Amino acid sequence: VLDNQFDFTNSGNAEILAEWFLLAIKKDYSAAFGAMENFLITTGRKKFLMPIYGELIKTESGKRLAINIYKKARQNYHYVSYNSLDKLLNYQTD
């Protein structure tokens, strides 16, 4: 596994993490999902959020994970980000 050699999951570089998490989702590399959740909760940049959430929602299990993370993270996002993500995820606030 690439992660064993390069430790991408624990990178401090948001650009690397965003690309790594996209690959982890595509390959169902669940060992990276905890770090991905933390990244999505603490990172508010739309340029990182949209592709990751967009990849997650391609499967039913990924969509459930995306919604669960989004419920925790939404309050940390800027209006522009959460407005776009609400539409992408078909998310409605209570």
Protein backbone atom coordinates (compact mmCIF):
# COMPACT_ATOMS: atom_id res chain seq x y z
CA VAL A 1 0.00 0.00 0.00
CA LEU A 2 1.31 3.42 -0.94
CA ASP A 3 0.28 4.81 2.41
CA ASN A 4 2.67 2.49 4.24
CA GLN A 5 5.59 3.90 2.31
CA PHE A 6 4.61 7.56 1.93
CA ASP A 7 2.17 8.12 4.83
CA PHE A 8 -0.16 10.24 2.69
CA THR A 9 -2.98 9.90 5.21
CA ASN A 10 -0.97 11.93 7.72
CA SER A 11 0.37 14.55 5.34
CA GLY A 12 0.32 18.14 6.54
CA ASN A 13 -0.23 19.38 3.00
CA ALA A 14 -3.88 20.02 2.11
CA GLU A 15 -3.24 19.65 -1.63
CA ILE A 16 -1.74 16.18 -1.12
CA LEU A 17 -4.48 15.18 1.33
CA ALA A 18 -7.27 16.22 -1.03
CA GLU A 19 -5.85 14.12 -3.87
CA TRP A 20 -5.08 11.22 -1.54
CA PHE A 21 -8.60 11.18 -0.13
CA LEU A 22 -10.07 11.10 -3.65
CA LEU A 23 -7.96 8.05 -4.41
CA ALA A 24 -8.81 6.48 -1.03
CA ILE A 25 -12.54 6.87 -1.76
CA LYS A 26 -12.20 5.38 -5.25
CA LYS A 27 -10.26 2.39 -3.89
CA ASP A 28 -12.36 2.10 -0.71
CA TYR A 29 -9.22 2.51 1.42
CA SER A 30 -11.11 2.89 4.70
CA ALA A 31 -7.89 3.31 6.73
CA ALA A 32 -7.80 6.90 5.43
CA PHE A 33 -11.44 7.70 6.22
CA GLY A 34 -10.85 8.90 9.79
CA ALA A 35 -8.24 11.40 8.64
CA MET A 36 -10.52 12.37 5.76
CA GLU A 37 -13.36 13.08 8.18
CA ASN A 38 -11.08 15.26 10.29
CA PHE A 39 -9.91 17.06 7.16
CA LEU A 40 -13.49 17.71 6.04
CA ILE A 41 -14.45 19.01 9.47
CA THR A 42 -11.47 21.34 9.83
CA THR A 43 -10.96 22.48 6.22
CA GLY A 44 -13.40 24.97 4.79
CA ARG A 45 -12.01 25.55 1.31
CA LYS A 46 -14.60 24.77 -1.31
CA LYS A 47 -11.89 23.71 -3.77
CA PHE A 48 -11.10 20.76 -1.48
CA LEU A 49 -14.59 20.03 -0.21
CA MET A 50 -16.55 19.76 -3.45
CA PRO A 51 -14.41 17.08 -5.11
CA ILE A 52 -14.20 14.93 -1.97
CA TYR A 53 -17.90 15.07 -1.18
CA GLY A 54 -18.63 14.67 -4.90
CA GLU A 55 -16.61 11.44 -5.00
CA LEU A 56 -18.17 10.15 -1.78
CA ILE A 57 -21.73 10.45 -3.04
CA LYS A 58 -21.09 8.16 -6.01
CA THR A 59 -21.98 5.14 -3.86
CA GLU A 60 -24.73 4.59 -1.30
CA SER A 61 -22.27 3.84 1.51
CA GLY A 62 -20.20 6.85 0.52
CA LYS A 63 -23.27 9.06 0.49
CA ARG A 64 -24.15 7.95 4.03
CA LEU A 65 -20.61 8.71 5.14
CA ALA A 66 -20.69 12.10 3.40
CA ILE A 67 -23.95 13.11 5.10
CA ASN A 68 -22.71 11.95 8.52
CA ILE A 69 -19.51 13.96 8.15
CA TYR A 70 -21.34 16.95 6.70
CA LYS A 71 -23.70 17.12 9.67
CA LYS A 72 -20.64 17.55 11.91
CA ALA A 73 -18.74 19.86 9.58
CA ARG A 74 -21.37 22.17 8.08
CA GLN A 75 -21.25 24.70 10.92
CA ASN A 76 -17.54 25.24 10.23
CA TYR A 77 -18.02 26.11 6.56
CA HIS A 78 -18.40 29.52 4.96
CA TYR A 79 -21.79 30.34 3.45
CA VAL A 80 -20.51 29.87 -0.11
CA SER A 81 -19.19 26.40 0.74
CA TYR A 82 -22.21 25.11 2.62
CA ASN A 83 -24.62 26.58 0.11
CA SER A 84 -22.88 24.65 -2.69
CA LEU A 85 -22.61 21.50 -0.59
CA ASP A 86 -26.26 21.64 0.48
CA LYS A 87 -27.15 21.46 -3.22
CA LEU A 88 -24.61 18.75 -4.03
CA LEU A 89 -25.70 16.57 -1.14
CA ASN A 90 -29.38 17.47 -1.42
CA TYR A 91 -29.11 18.41 2.24
CA GLN A 92 -31.88 20.23 4.03
CA THR A 93 -31.51 21.78 7.43
CA ASP A 94 -34.12 21.10 10.06
